[in-house]
Amino acid sequence: MRETRRYRLLCPIARALDRVGDRWTLLVLRDLHAGPARFSDLQTLPGIASNLLTNRLRQLEDDGLIRRREAEYGTMVYELTDLGRQTDNILFELAAFGARFAPDEPVKRPGNLRTIAVTLKVACQRIVDPAMRLHAELVVDGEPFRFSIEAGEVAVESGSAQDPEVTLTTSYGPMVAVADGRMSLESFASKHVQLSGPSPEKGQALAALMGRAFSARP
């Protein structure tokens, strides 16, 4: 049976928590900010049971935050609605607040790295030069992401980029460490970033943007 517990209070914070306050719900939304995902993609959340994931997805659909649609080869995917996409800043601020605390032991690595998309996008969006244009691929521990900037809008989505101007390769652990303030930007850039592709100047611009985005976080 689907859980329908609600605070049923006039307070807008309570009304928001009625929609996104259940365990796993914000993490499902976080992963969908990286683009449409199959049920099996979302099952990589460490520790979530399939029936609980089904429950959360149905509730998010009912609340108008996500929708289902048929993709290639008849595959069913879940994606954010316009309302669901408005959770990006909420998730970013939660990430910034969470960075103040050490993770509980034993630490679990995310089942996939879709987790990076929304925080990286918002961090860059807040400081990007509106005149900047970029078409890049970001590879984190072997997982590719399309990173683009057009007309001042930053997009970070799961999947390989077609003909990127630059490819930036790095690792998830160091990205989290520098974002948490446990590693310097200099150490991250010199030891954990590799740039390749036909436009070296674009690579430097991407690395500089990410550096400023990390520095701007509380």
N, C-alpha and C. Protein backbone atom coordinates (compact mmCIF):
# COMPACT_ATOMS: atom_id res chain seq x y z
N MET A 1 0.85 -1.19 0.00
CA MET A 1 0.00 0.00 0.00
C MET A 1 0.88 1.24 0.00
N ARG A 2 0.50 2.24 -0.79
CA ARG A 2 1.28 3.45 -0.88
C ARG A 2 1.11 4.29 0.39
N GLU A 3 2.22 4.84 0.88
CA GLU A 3 2.16 5.70 2.06
C GLU A 3 1.52 7.02 1.66
N THR A 4 0.59 7.52 2.50
CA THR A 4 -0.08 8.78 2.23
C THR A 4 0.00 9.70 3.44
N ARG A 5 0.97 9.48 4.32
CA ARG A 5 1.08 10.31 5.51
C ARG A 5 1.46 11.74 5.12
N ARG A 6 0.74 12.70 5.65
CA ARG A 6 0.98 14.10 5.37
C ARG A 6 0.92 14.89 6.68
N TYR A 7 1.63 16.01 6.70
CA TYR A 7 1.53 16.88 7.88
C TYR A 7 0.17 17.58 7.92
N ARG A 8 -0.37 17.91 6.74
CA ARG A 8 -1.66 18.58 6.62
C ARG A 8 -1.67 19.89 7.40
N LEU A 9 -0.61 20.67 7.24
CA LEU A 9 -0.49 21.96 7.90
C LEU A 9 -0.48 23.08 6.87
N LEU A 10 -0.90 24.27 7.26
CA LEU A 10 -0.88 25.42 6.37
C LEU A 10 0.53 25.89 6.05
N CYS A 11 1.46 25.63 6.95
CA CYS A 11 2.86 26.06 6.79
C CYS A 11 3.42 25.57 5.45
N PRO A 12 4.02 26.47 4.63
CA PRO A 12 4.54 26.04 3.32
C PRO A 12 5.73 25.09 3.42
N ILE A 13 6.49 25.16 4.52
CA ILE A 13 7.58 24.20 4.70
C ILE A 13 7.00 22.81 4.87
N ALA A 14 5.95 22.70 5.67
CA ALA A 14 5.30 21.40 5.86
C ALA A 14 4.71 20.89 4.55
N ARG A 15 4.13 21.80 3.76
CA ARG A 15 3.56 21.38 2.48
C ARG A 15 4.65 20.88 1.52
N ALA A 16 5.82 21.52 1.56
CA ALA A 16 6.94 21.04 0.74
C ALA A 16 7.39 19.66 1.21
N LEU A 17 7.49 19.47 2.53
CA LEU A 17 7.92 18.18 3.06
C LEU A 17 6.89 17.09 2.78
N ASP A 18 5.63 17.46 2.67
CA ASP A 18 4.62 16.48 2.27
C ASP A 18 4.96 15.86 0.92
N ARG A 19 5.62 16.64 0.06
CA ARG A 19 5.94 16.17 -1.30
C ARG A 19 7.33 15.55 -1.40
N VAL A 20 8.30 16.08 -0.67
CA VAL A 20 9.68 15.62 -0.87
C VAL A 20 10.37 15.18 0.42
N GLY A 21 9.63 15.10 1.52
CA GLY A 21 10.26 14.83 2.81
C GLY A 21 10.45 13.37 3.15
N ASP A 22 9.85 12.45 2.39
CA ASP A 22 10.03 11.03 2.69
C ASP A 22 11.44 10.58 2.33
N ARG A 23 11.93 9.57 3.03
CA ARG A 23 13.26 9.02 2.75
C ARG A 23 13.33 8.55 1.29
N TRP A 24 14.43 8.85 0.63
CA TRP A 24 14.74 8.50 -0.75
C TRP A 24 14.17 9.47 -1.78
N THR A 25 13.12 10.22 -1.44
CA THR A 25 12.47 11.04 -2.45
C THR A 25 13.41 12.08 -3.04
N LEU A 26 14.14 12.81 -2.20
CA LEU A 26 15.05 13.83 -2.71
C LEU A 26 16.20 13.20 -3.49
N LEU A 27 16.61 12.00 -3.11
CA LEU A 27 17.69 11.34 -3.85
C LEU A 27 17.22 10.88 -5.23
N VAL A 28 15.96 10.47 -5.33
CA VAL A 28 15.40 10.14 -6.64
C VAL A 28 15.36 11.39 -7.51
N LEU A 29 14.89 12.49 -6.96
CA LEU A 29 14.87 13.75 -7.71
C LEU A 29 16.28 14.17 -8.10
N ARG A 30 17.21 14.04 -7.17
CA ARG A 30 18.62 14.36 -7.46
C ARG A 30 19.11 13.62 -8.68
N ASP A 31 18.85 12.32 -8.75
CA ASP A 31 19.35 11.52 -9.87
C ASP A 31 18.64 11.88 -11.18
N LEU A 32 17.37 12.27 -11.10
CA LEU A 32 16.65 12.62 -12.31
C LEU A 32 17.07 13.98 -12.86
N HIS A 33 17.74 14.79 -12.08
CA HIS A 33 18.28 16.04 -12.61
C HIS A 33 19.39 15.77 -13.63
N ALA A 34 19.92 14.56 -13.65
CA ALA A 34 20.93 14.19 -14.66
C ALA A 34 20.29 13.75 -15.97
N GLY A 35 18.95 13.77 -16.05
CA GLY A 35 18.27 13.38 -17.26
C GLY A 35 17.34 12.20 -17.03
N PRO A 36 16.54 11.84 -18.04
CA PRO A 36 15.62 10.71 -17.90
C PRO A 36 16.34 9.43 -17.47
N ALA A 37 15.64 8.61 -16.70
CA ALA A 37 16.25 7.38 -16.18
C ALA A 37 15.23 6.26 -16.17
N ARG A 38 15.72 5.06 -16.42
CA ARG A 38 14.89 3.87 -16.30
C ARG A 38 14.75 3.50 -14.82
N PHE A 39 13.79 2.64 -14.53
CA PHE A 39 13.61 2.16 -13.16
C PHE A 39 14.91 1.51 -12.68
N SER A 40 15.55 0.72 -13.55
CA SER A 40 16.78 0.02 -13.16
C SER A 40 17.91 1.00 -12.86
N ASP A 41 17.93 2.16 -13.54
CA ASP A 41 18.95 3.17 -13.23
C ASP A 41 18.77 3.70 -11.82
N LEU A 42 17.53 3.92 -11.43
CA LEU A 42 17.24 4.47 -10.11
C LEU A 42 17.40 3.42 -9.01
N GLN A 43 17.31 2.15 -9.37
CA GLN A 43 17.51 1.09 -8.39
C GLN A 43 18.95 1.02 -7.88
N THR A 44 19.86 1.74 -8.51
CA THR A 44 21.25 1.74 -8.05
C THR A 44 21.44 2.57 -6.79
N LEU A 45 20.39 3.26 -6.32
CA LEU A 45 20.48 3.93 -5.02
C LEU A 45 20.76 2.87 -3.96
N PRO A 46 21.87 3.00 -3.24
CA PRO A 46 22.27 1.93 -2.31
C PRO A 46 21.23 1.72 -1.21
N GLY A 47 20.66 0.52 -1.16
CA GLY A 47 19.79 0.15 -0.06
C GLY A 47 18.30 0.32 -0.29
N ILE A 48 17.89 0.85 -1.44
CA ILE A 48 16.46 1.05 -1.65
C ILE A 48 15.83 -0.22 -2.22
N ALA A 49 14.71 -0.65 -1.63
CA ALA A 49 13.98 -1.82 -2.12
C ALA A 49 13.13 -1.44 -3.32
N SER A 50 12.90 -2.39 -4.21
CA SER A 50 12.17 -2.08 -5.44
C SER A 50 10.74 -1.62 -5.15
N ASN A 51 10.09 -2.21 -4.14
CA ASN A 51 8.71 -1.79 -3.84
C ASN A 51 8.68 -0.38 -3.27
N LEU A 52 9.71 -0.01 -2.50
CA LEU A 52 9.77 1.34 -1.95
C LEU A 52 10.06 2.35 -3.05
N LEU A 53 10.93 2.00 -4.00
CA LEU A 53 11.20 2.88 -5.12
C LEU A 53 9.94 3.09 -5.94
N THR A 54 9.18 2.01 -6.18
CA THR A 54 7.92 2.12 -6.90
C THR A 54 6.98 3.08 -6.20
N ASN A 55 6.90 2.96 -4.87
CA ASN A 55 6.05 3.84 -4.07
C ASN A 55 6.45 5.30 -4.23
N ARG A 56 7.75 5.57 -4.15
CA ARG A 56 8.22 6.96 -4.23
C ARG A 56 7.96 7.54 -5.63
N LEU A 57 8.19 6.74 -6.66
CA LEU A 57 7.97 7.22 -8.02
C LEU A 57 6.49 7.52 -8.26
N ARG A 58 5.62 6.67 -7.78
CA ARG A 58 4.19 6.91 -7.97
C ARG A 58 3.75 8.18 -7.24
N GLN A 59 4.29 8.38 -6.03
CA GLN A 59 3.91 9.58 -5.29
C GLN A 59 4.43 10.84 -5.97
N LEU A 60 5.65 10.78 -6.50
CA LEU A 60 6.20 11.93 -7.22
C LEU A 60 5.39 12.22 -8.48
N GLU A 61 4.91 11.17 -9.14
CA GLU A 61 4.02 11.38 -10.30
C GLU A 61 2.72 12.04 -9.86
N ASP A 62 2.12 11.53 -8.79
CA ASP A 62 0.87 12.09 -8.30
C ASP A 62 1.01 13.56 -7.94
N ASP A 63 2.17 13.94 -7.43
CA ASP A 63 2.41 15.32 -7.01
C ASP A 63 2.91 16.20 -8.15
N GLY A 64 3.03 15.65 -9.34
CA GLY A 64 3.38 16.44 -10.50
C GLY A 64 4.84 16.82 -10.61
N LEU A 65 5.71 16.09 -9.91
CA LEU A 65 7.14 16.40 -9.94
C LEU A 65 7.89 15.60 -11.00
N ILE A 66 7.38 14.43 -11.37
CA ILE A 66 7.98 13.62 -12.43
C ILE A 66 6.88 13.07 -13.32
N ARG A 67 7.28 12.54 -14.46
CA ARG A 67 6.34 11.86 -15.35
C ARG A 67 7.04 10.67 -15.98
N ARG A 68 6.25 9.74 -16.49
CA ARG A 68 6.76 8.61 -17.26
C ARG A 68 6.51 8.85 -18.74
N ARG A 69 7.43 8.38 -19.56
CA ARG A 69 7.21 8.43 -21.00
C ARG A 69 7.96 7.28 -21.65
N GLU A 70 7.53 6.94 -22.85
CA GLU A 70 8.18 5.87 -23.59
C GLU A 70 9.37 6.43 -24.35
N ALA A 71 10.52 5.81 -24.20
CA ALA A 71 11.74 6.22 -24.88
C ALA A 71 12.03 5.25 -26.02
N GLU A 72 13.28 5.23 -26.47
CA GLU A 72 13.66 4.36 -27.58
C GLU A 72 13.41 2.88 -27.25
N TYR A 73 13.06 2.14 -28.27
CA TYR A 73 12.87 0.69 -28.17
C TYR A 73 11.81 0.30 -27.15
N GLY A 74 10.85 1.20 -26.91
CA GLY A 74 9.77 0.90 -26.01
C GLY A 74 10.12 0.95 -24.54
N THR A 75 11.32 1.43 -24.22
CA THR A 75 11.74 1.53 -22.83
C THR A 75 10.98 2.66 -22.13
N MET A 76 10.53 2.39 -20.90
CA MET A 76 9.84 3.41 -20.12
C MET A 76 10.86 4.13 -19.25
N VAL A 77 10.83 5.46 -19.28
CA VAL A 77 11.75 6.25 -18.46
C VAL A 77 10.96 7.24 -17.61
N TYR A 78 11.62 7.68 -16.56
CA TYR A 78 11.08 8.73 -15.70
C TYR A 78 11.88 10.00 -15.94
N GLU A 79 11.19 11.15 -15.90
CA GLU A 79 11.88 12.42 -16.08
C GLU A 79 11.18 13.49 -15.25
N LEU A 80 11.91 14.56 -14.97
CA LEU A 80 11.37 15.66 -14.19
C LEU A 80 10.38 16.47 -15.03
N THR A 81 9.35 16.96 -14.38
CA THR A 81 8.48 17.97 -14.98
C THR A 81 9.10 19.34 -14.74
N ASP A 82 8.47 20.38 -15.28
CA ASP A 82 8.96 21.74 -15.01
C ASP A 82 8.96 22.02 -13.52
N LEU A 83 7.95 21.55 -12.81
CA LEU A 83 7.90 21.74 -11.36
C LEU A 83 9.02 20.97 -10.68
N GLY A 84 9.26 19.75 -11.14
CA GLY A 84 10.33 18.95 -10.55
C GLY A 84 11.70 19.57 -10.73
N ARG A 85 11.92 20.21 -11.90
CA ARG A 85 13.21 20.86 -12.14
C ARG A 85 13.47 22.02 -11.19
N GLN A 86 12.41 22.55 -10.59
CA GLN A 86 12.57 23.66 -9.66
C GLN A 86 13.13 23.22 -8.31
N THR A 87 13.39 21.94 -8.15
CA THR A 87 14.04 21.46 -6.92
C THR A 87 15.56 21.57 -7.00
N ASP A 88 16.10 22.11 -8.10
CA ASP A 88 17.56 22.12 -8.25
C ASP A 88 18.25 22.94 -7.17
N ASN A 89 17.73 24.13 -6.87
CA ASN A 89 18.36 24.96 -5.85
C ASN A 89 18.18 24.40 -4.45
N ILE A 90 17.05 23.73 -4.20
CA ILE A 90 16.85 23.07 -2.91
C ILE A 90 17.93 22.01 -2.70
N LEU A 91 18.17 21.19 -3.72
CA LEU A 91 19.17 20.13 -3.62
C LEU A 91 20.57 20.71 -3.47
N PHE A 92 20.86 21.79 -4.18
CA PHE A 92 22.17 22.42 -4.06
C PHE A 92 22.40 22.92 -2.65
N GLU A 93 21.42 23.60 -2.07
CA GLU A 93 21.59 24.13 -0.72
C GLU A 93 21.71 23.01 0.31
N LEU A 94 21.00 21.91 0.09
CA LEU A 94 21.16 20.75 0.98
C LEU A 94 22.56 20.18 0.87
N ALA A 95 23.11 20.13 -0.36
CA ALA A 95 24.47 19.64 -0.54
C ALA A 95 25.47 20.54 0.17
N ALA A 96 25.28 21.86 0.05
CA ALA A 96 26.19 22.80 0.70
C ALA A 96 26.11 22.66 2.22
N PHE A 97 24.90 22.46 2.74
CA PHE A 97 24.75 22.26 4.19
C PHE A 97 25.34 20.93 4.62
N GLY A 98 25.09 19.88 3.83
CA GLY A 98 25.61 18.55 4.16
C GLY A 98 27.12 18.49 4.16
N ALA A 99 27.76 19.35 3.35
CA ALA A 99 29.22 19.35 3.29
C ALA A 99 29.86 19.78 4.60
N ARG A 100 29.07 20.34 5.51
CA ARG A 100 29.59 20.76 6.81
C ARG A 100 29.78 19.57 7.76
N PHE A 101 29.25 18.41 7.39
CA PHE A 101 29.28 17.25 8.28
C PHE A 101 30.08 16.11 7.66
N ALA A 102 30.80 15.39 8.48
CA ALA A 102 31.50 14.20 8.00
C ALA A 102 30.50 13.08 7.75
N PRO A 103 30.72 12.25 6.72
CA PRO A 103 29.79 11.14 6.47
C PRO A 103 29.88 10.08 7.55
N ASP A 104 28.77 9.41 7.80
CA ASP A 104 28.76 8.32 8.76
C ASP A 104 29.53 7.13 8.19
N GLU A 105 30.18 6.39 9.06
CA GLU A 105 30.89 5.18 8.67
C GLU A 105 29.96 3.98 8.80
N PRO A 106 30.12 2.95 7.96
CA PRO A 106 31.01 2.92 6.80
C PRO A 106 30.43 3.71 5.64
N VAL A 107 31.25 4.45 4.94
CA VAL A 107 30.80 5.30 3.86
C VAL A 107 30.48 4.46 2.63
N LYS A 108 29.34 4.72 2.02
CA LYS A 108 28.94 4.02 0.81
C LYS A 108 29.10 4.95 -0.39
N ARG A 109 29.70 4.44 -1.43
CA ARG A 109 29.81 5.20 -2.67
C ARG A 109 28.46 5.14 -3.40
N PRO A 110 28.05 6.23 -4.06
CA PRO A 110 26.79 6.17 -4.81
C PRO A 110 26.78 5.03 -5.82
N GLY A 111 25.59 4.46 -6.05
CA GLY A 111 25.49 3.38 -7.02
C GLY A 111 25.79 3.84 -8.43
N ASN A 112 25.50 5.10 -8.72
CA ASN A 112 25.93 5.72 -9.97
C ASN A 112 26.27 7.17 -9.66
N LEU A 113 26.85 7.86 -10.61
CA LEU A 113 27.32 9.22 -10.34
C LEU A 113 26.39 10.29 -10.89
N ARG A 114 25.14 9.93 -11.18
CA ARG A 114 24.16 10.94 -11.56
C ARG A 114 24.04 11.99 -10.47
N THR A 115 24.45 11.64 -9.26
CA THR A 115 24.40 12.54 -8.11
C THR A 115 25.13 13.86 -8.35
N ILE A 116 26.15 13.88 -9.23
CA ILE A 116 26.94 15.09 -9.38
C ILE A 116 26.25 16.15 -10.23
N ALA A 117 25.28 15.75 -11.04
CA ALA A 117 24.77 16.65 -12.09
C ALA A 117 24.14 17.91 -11.53
N VAL A 118 23.22 17.77 -10.58
CA VAL A 118 22.46 18.95 -10.15
C VAL A 118 23.32 19.93 -9.38
N THR A 119 24.18 19.44 -8.50
CA THR A 119 25.00 20.36 -7.72
C THR A 119 26.03 21.06 -8.59
N LEU A 120 26.64 20.33 -9.52
CA LEU A 120 27.61 20.96 -10.42
C LEU A 120 26.93 21.98 -11.31
N LYS A 121 25.76 21.64 -11.82
CA LYS A 121 25.04 22.57 -12.69
C LYS A 121 24.71 23.87 -11.96
N VAL A 122 24.12 23.75 -10.77
CA VAL A 122 23.71 24.95 -10.03
C VAL A 122 24.92 25.78 -9.62
N ALA A 123 25.98 25.10 -9.15
CA ALA A 123 27.19 25.82 -8.74
C ALA A 123 27.76 26.64 -9.89
N CYS A 124 27.82 26.04 -11.08
CA CYS A 124 28.34 26.75 -12.25
C CYS A 124 27.36 27.81 -12.73
N GLN A 125 26.07 27.51 -12.68
CA GLN A 125 25.06 28.46 -13.14
C GLN A 125 25.13 29.77 -12.37
N ARG A 126 25.44 29.68 -11.09
CA ARG A 126 25.44 30.87 -10.25
C ARG A 126 26.59 31.83 -10.54
N ILE A 127 27.64 31.36 -11.20
CA ILE A 127 28.79 32.23 -11.41
C ILE A 127 29.22 32.31 -12.88
N VAL A 128 28.51 31.66 -13.79
CA VAL A 128 28.94 31.60 -15.18
C VAL A 128 28.79 32.97 -15.86
N ASP A 129 29.73 33.27 -16.74
CA ASP A 129 29.65 34.45 -17.59
C ASP A 129 28.58 34.21 -18.65
N PRO A 130 27.56 35.08 -18.75
CA PRO A 130 26.49 34.86 -19.73
C PRO A 130 26.99 34.74 -21.18
N ALA A 131 28.18 35.29 -21.44
CA ALA A 131 28.70 35.25 -22.81
C ALA A 131 29.45 33.95 -23.11
N MET A 132 29.64 33.11 -22.11
CA MET A 132 30.42 31.88 -22.30
C MET A 132 29.64 30.85 -23.10
N ARG A 133 30.32 30.18 -24.02
CA ARG A 133 29.75 29.07 -24.79
C ARG A 133 30.69 27.88 -24.66
N LEU A 134 30.12 26.71 -24.41
CA LEU A 134 30.97 25.54 -24.19
C LEU A 134 30.19 24.27 -24.48
N HIS A 135 30.87 23.31 -25.12
CA HIS A 135 30.29 21.98 -25.38
C HIS A 135 31.36 20.97 -24.99
N ALA A 136 31.18 20.33 -23.84
CA ALA A 136 32.24 19.50 -23.27
C ALA A 136 31.70 18.16 -22.79
N GLU A 137 32.63 17.26 -22.52
CA GLU A 137 32.30 16.00 -21.86
C GLU A 137 33.09 15.93 -20.57
N LEU A 138 32.39 15.57 -19.51
CA LEU A 138 33.00 15.37 -18.20
C LEU A 138 32.94 13.88 -17.90
N VAL A 139 34.09 13.28 -17.63
CA VAL A 139 34.15 11.85 -17.34
C VAL A 139 34.60 11.68 -15.89
N VAL A 140 33.72 11.11 -15.08
CA VAL A 140 34.00 10.94 -13.66
C VAL A 140 34.02 9.45 -13.35
N ASP A 141 35.18 8.94 -12.99
CA ASP A 141 35.34 7.51 -12.72
C ASP A 141 34.75 6.66 -13.85
N GLY A 142 34.98 7.10 -15.07
CA GLY A 142 34.53 6.36 -16.24
C GLY A 142 33.12 6.64 -16.69
N GLU A 143 32.33 7.38 -15.91
CA GLU A 143 30.95 7.71 -16.30
C GLU A 143 30.94 9.05 -17.03
N PRO A 144 30.40 9.10 -18.26
CA PRO A 144 30.41 10.34 -19.03
C PRO A 144 29.20 11.22 -18.75
N PHE A 145 29.42 12.52 -18.82
CA PHE A 145 28.36 13.51 -18.68
C PHE A 145 28.54 14.57 -19.76
N ARG A 146 27.42 15.00 -20.33
CA ARG A 146 27.43 16.13 -21.25
C ARG A 146 27.38 17.42 -20.45
N PHE A 147 28.32 18.30 -20.72
CA PHE A 147 28.39 19.59 -20.02
C PHE A 147 28.34 20.68 -21.07
N SER A 148 27.30 21.50 -21.04
CA SER A 148 27.16 22.53 -22.06
C SER A 148 26.73 23.86 -21.44
N ILE A 149 27.13 24.93 -22.10
CA ILE A 149 26.71 26.28 -21.73
C ILE A 149 26.28 26.99 -23.00
N GLU A 150 25.03 27.40 -23.03
CA GLU A 150 24.48 28.13 -24.17
C GLU A 150 23.60 29.26 -23.64
N ALA A 151 23.84 30.47 -24.13
CA ALA A 151 23.03 31.63 -23.76
C ALA A 151 22.93 31.79 -22.25
N GLY A 152 24.04 31.51 -21.56
CA GLY A 152 24.09 31.67 -20.12
C GLY A 152 23.45 30.56 -19.32
N GLU A 153 23.00 29.49 -19.99
CA GLU A 153 22.35 28.37 -19.31
C GLU A 153 23.29 27.18 -19.27
N VAL A 154 23.53 26.67 -18.07
CA VAL A 154 24.39 25.51 -17.86
C VAL A 154 23.53 24.25 -17.84
N ALA A 155 23.99 23.20 -18.52
CA ALA A 155 23.31 21.90 -18.50
C ALA A 155 24.34 20.82 -18.23
N VAL A 156 24.03 19.92 -17.31
CA VAL A 156 24.88 18.76 -17.01
C VAL A 156 23.98 17.54 -17.05
N GLU A 157 24.22 16.64 -17.99
CA GLU A 157 23.34 15.48 -18.17
C GLU A 157 24.16 14.21 -18.33
N SER A 158 23.62 13.12 -17.84
CA SER A 158 24.27 11.82 -17.96
C SER A 158 24.34 11.40 -19.42
N GLY A 159 25.50 10.87 -19.83
CA GLY A 159 25.65 10.37 -21.18
C GLY A 159 26.80 11.02 -21.91
N SER A 160 27.25 10.37 -22.97
CA SER A 160 28.39 10.85 -23.74
C SER A 160 28.01 12.06 -24.59
N ALA A 161 28.95 12.98 -24.74
CA ALA A 161 28.76 14.15 -25.60
C ALA A 161 29.20 13.83 -27.01
N GLN A 162 28.53 14.41 -27.98
CA GLN A 162 28.89 14.21 -29.38
C GLN A 162 29.85 15.33 -29.81
N ASP A 163 31.03 14.93 -30.26
CA ASP A 163 32.04 15.87 -30.73
C ASP A 163 32.31 17.00 -29.73
N PRO A 164 32.68 16.68 -28.49
CA PRO A 164 32.94 17.73 -27.50
C PRO A 164 34.17 18.55 -27.87
N GLU A 165 34.15 19.82 -27.50
CA GLU A 165 35.32 20.68 -27.70
C GLU A 165 36.46 20.28 -26.77
N VAL A 166 36.08 19.74 -25.61
CA VAL A 166 37.08 19.33 -24.63
C VAL A 166 36.49 18.22 -23.77
N THR A 167 37.34 17.34 -23.27
CA THR A 167 36.94 16.31 -22.32
C THR A 167 37.75 16.50 -21.04
N LEU A 168 37.04 16.62 -19.93
CA LEU A 168 37.69 16.73 -18.63
C LEU A 168 37.45 15.43 -17.88
N THR A 169 38.53 14.77 -17.48
CA THR A 169 38.46 13.48 -16.78
C THR A 169 38.93 13.67 -15.35
N THR A 170 38.13 13.16 -14.41
CA THR A 170 38.46 13.28 -13.00
C THR A 170 37.84 12.12 -12.23
N SER A 171 37.87 12.19 -10.89
CA SER A 171 37.33 11.14 -10.04
C SER A 171 36.36 11.73 -9.02
N TYR A 172 35.41 10.90 -8.61
CA TYR A 172 34.35 11.36 -7.72
C TYR A 172 34.89 11.75 -6.34
N GLY A 173 35.75 10.90 -5.76
CA GLY A 173 36.26 11.17 -4.42
C GLY A 173 36.92 12.53 -4.30
N PRO A 174 37.88 12.85 -5.17
CA PRO A 174 38.50 14.17 -5.12
C PRO A 174 37.51 15.32 -5.37
N MET A 175 36.51 15.11 -6.25
CA MET A 175 35.51 16.16 -6.46
C MET A 175 34.77 16.47 -5.16
N VAL A 176 34.38 15.43 -4.44
CA VAL A 176 33.68 15.64 -3.18
C VAL A 176 34.62 16.28 -2.16
N ALA A 177 35.87 15.84 -2.14
CA ALA A 177 36.83 16.38 -1.18
C ALA A 177 37.05 17.88 -1.38
N VAL A 178 37.18 18.31 -2.64
CA VAL A 178 37.40 19.73 -2.89
C VAL A 178 36.13 20.53 -2.62
N ALA A 179 34.98 19.96 -2.93
CA ALA A 179 33.72 20.64 -2.66
C ALA A 179 33.47 20.76 -1.16
N ASP A 180 33.91 19.76 -0.39
CA ASP A 180 33.75 19.79 1.07
C ASP A 180 34.80 20.65 1.75
N GLY A 181 35.81 21.10 1.00
CA GLY A 181 36.88 21.89 1.60
C GLY A 181 38.00 21.06 2.20
N ARG A 182 38.02 19.75 1.90
CA ARG A 182 39.07 18.88 2.44
C ARG A 182 40.27 18.75 1.50
N MET A 183 40.19 19.36 0.33
CA MET A 183 41.29 19.36 -0.62
C MET A 183 41.34 20.73 -1.28
N SER A 184 42.53 21.23 -1.52
CA SER A 184 42.67 22.53 -2.16
C SER A 184 42.36 22.42 -3.65
N LEU A 185 41.93 23.54 -4.22
CA LEU A 185 41.69 23.57 -5.66
C LEU A 185 42.96 23.29 -6.43
N GLU A 186 44.08 23.80 -5.92
CA GLU A 186 45.36 23.59 -6.60
C GLU A 186 45.71 22.11 -6.67
N SER A 187 45.53 21.40 -5.54
CA SER A 187 45.83 19.98 -5.52
C SER A 187 44.89 19.21 -6.43
N PHE A 188 43.61 19.57 -6.41
CA PHE A 188 42.63 18.91 -7.26
C PHE A 188 42.98 19.09 -8.73
N ALA A 189 43.27 20.33 -9.12
CA ALA A 189 43.54 20.62 -10.52
C ALA A 189 44.83 19.97 -11.01
N SER A 190 45.85 19.92 -10.15
CA SER A 190 47.15 19.42 -10.59
C SER A 190 47.24 17.89 -10.55
N LYS A 191 46.48 17.25 -9.66
CA LYS A 191 46.62 15.81 -9.46
C LYS A 191 45.44 14.99 -9.96
N HIS A 192 44.27 15.61 -10.11
CA HIS A 192 43.06 14.83 -10.35
C HIS A 192 42.26 15.28 -11.56
N VAL A 193 42.83 16.10 -12.41
CA VAL A 193 42.13 16.58 -13.61
C VAL A 193 43.00 16.36 -14.83
N GLN A 194 42.42 15.75 -15.85
CA GLN A 194 43.09 15.59 -17.14
C GLN A 194 42.21 16.22 -18.22
N LEU A 195 42.82 17.00 -19.10
CA LEU A 195 42.09 17.66 -20.18
C LEU A 195 42.56 17.12 -21.52
N SER A 196 41.62 16.90 -22.42
CA SER A 196 41.95 16.46 -23.77
C SER A 196 40.91 17.00 -24.73
N GLY A 197 41.22 17.00 -26.02
CA GLY A 197 40.28 17.47 -27.01
C GLY A 197 40.88 18.53 -27.90
N PRO A 198 40.14 18.96 -28.91
CA PRO A 198 40.67 19.87 -29.93
C PRO A 198 40.79 21.33 -29.50
N SER A 199 40.20 21.70 -28.35
CA SER A 199 40.20 23.11 -27.94
C SER A 199 40.78 23.26 -26.54
N PRO A 200 42.11 23.32 -26.42
CA PRO A 200 42.74 23.45 -25.10
C PRO A 200 42.25 24.66 -24.32
N GLU A 201 41.98 25.77 -25.04
CA GLU A 201 41.52 26.98 -24.34
C GLU A 201 40.15 26.76 -23.70
N LYS A 202 39.31 25.92 -24.35
CA LYS A 202 38.02 25.59 -23.76
C LYS A 202 38.19 24.74 -22.52
N GLY A 203 39.20 23.87 -22.55
CA GLY A 203 39.49 23.06 -21.38
C GLY A 203 39.90 23.90 -20.19
N GLN A 204 40.76 24.88 -20.44
CA GLN A 204 41.17 25.77 -19.36
C GLN A 204 39.98 26.57 -18.84
N ALA A 205 39.10 26.99 -19.75
CA ALA A 205 37.93 27.74 -19.33
C ALA A 205 37.00 26.89 -18.47
N LEU A 206 36.82 25.61 -18.85
CA LEU A 206 35.98 24.70 -18.06
C LEU A 206 36.59 24.46 -16.69
N ALA A 207 37.90 24.20 -16.64
CA ALA A 207 38.57 23.96 -15.35
C ALA A 207 38.47 25.19 -14.46
N ALA A 208 38.64 26.37 -15.05
CA ALA A 208 38.55 27.60 -14.27
C ALA A 208 37.13 27.82 -13.74
N LEU A 209 36.12 27.52 -14.58
CA LEU A 209 34.73 27.66 -14.15
C LEU A 209 34.43 26.74 -12.99
N MET A 210 34.85 25.47 -13.10
CA MET A 210 34.61 24.53 -12.01
C MET A 210 35.32 24.98 -10.75
N GLY A 211 36.54 25.50 -10.88
CA GLY A 211 37.27 25.99 -9.72
C GLY A 211 36.55 27.13 -9.03
N ARG A 212 36.03 28.08 -9.81
CA ARG A 212 35.29 29.20 -9.22
C ARG A 212 33.99 28.72 -8.59
N ALA A 213 33.36 27.72 -9.23
CA ALA A 213 32.10 27.19 -8.68
C ALA A 213 32.35 26.53 -7.33
N PHE A 214 33.41 25.73 -7.23
CA PHE A 214 33.73 25.09 -5.95
C PHE A 214 34.06 26.14 -4.90
N SER A 215 34.80 27.17 -5.29
CA SER A 215 35.20 28.21 -4.33
C SER A 215 34.02 29.02 -3.83
N ALA A 216 32.99 29.14 -4.67
CA ALA A 216 31.85 29.96 -4.30
C ALA A 216 30.91 29.27 -3.34
N ARG A 217 31.08 27.97 -3.14
CA ARG A 217 30.18 27.24 -2.26
C ARG A 217 30.46 27.62 -0.82
N PRO A 218 29.38 27.71 0.04
CA PRO A 218 29.56 28.09 1.44
C PRO A 218 30.47 27.13 2.16
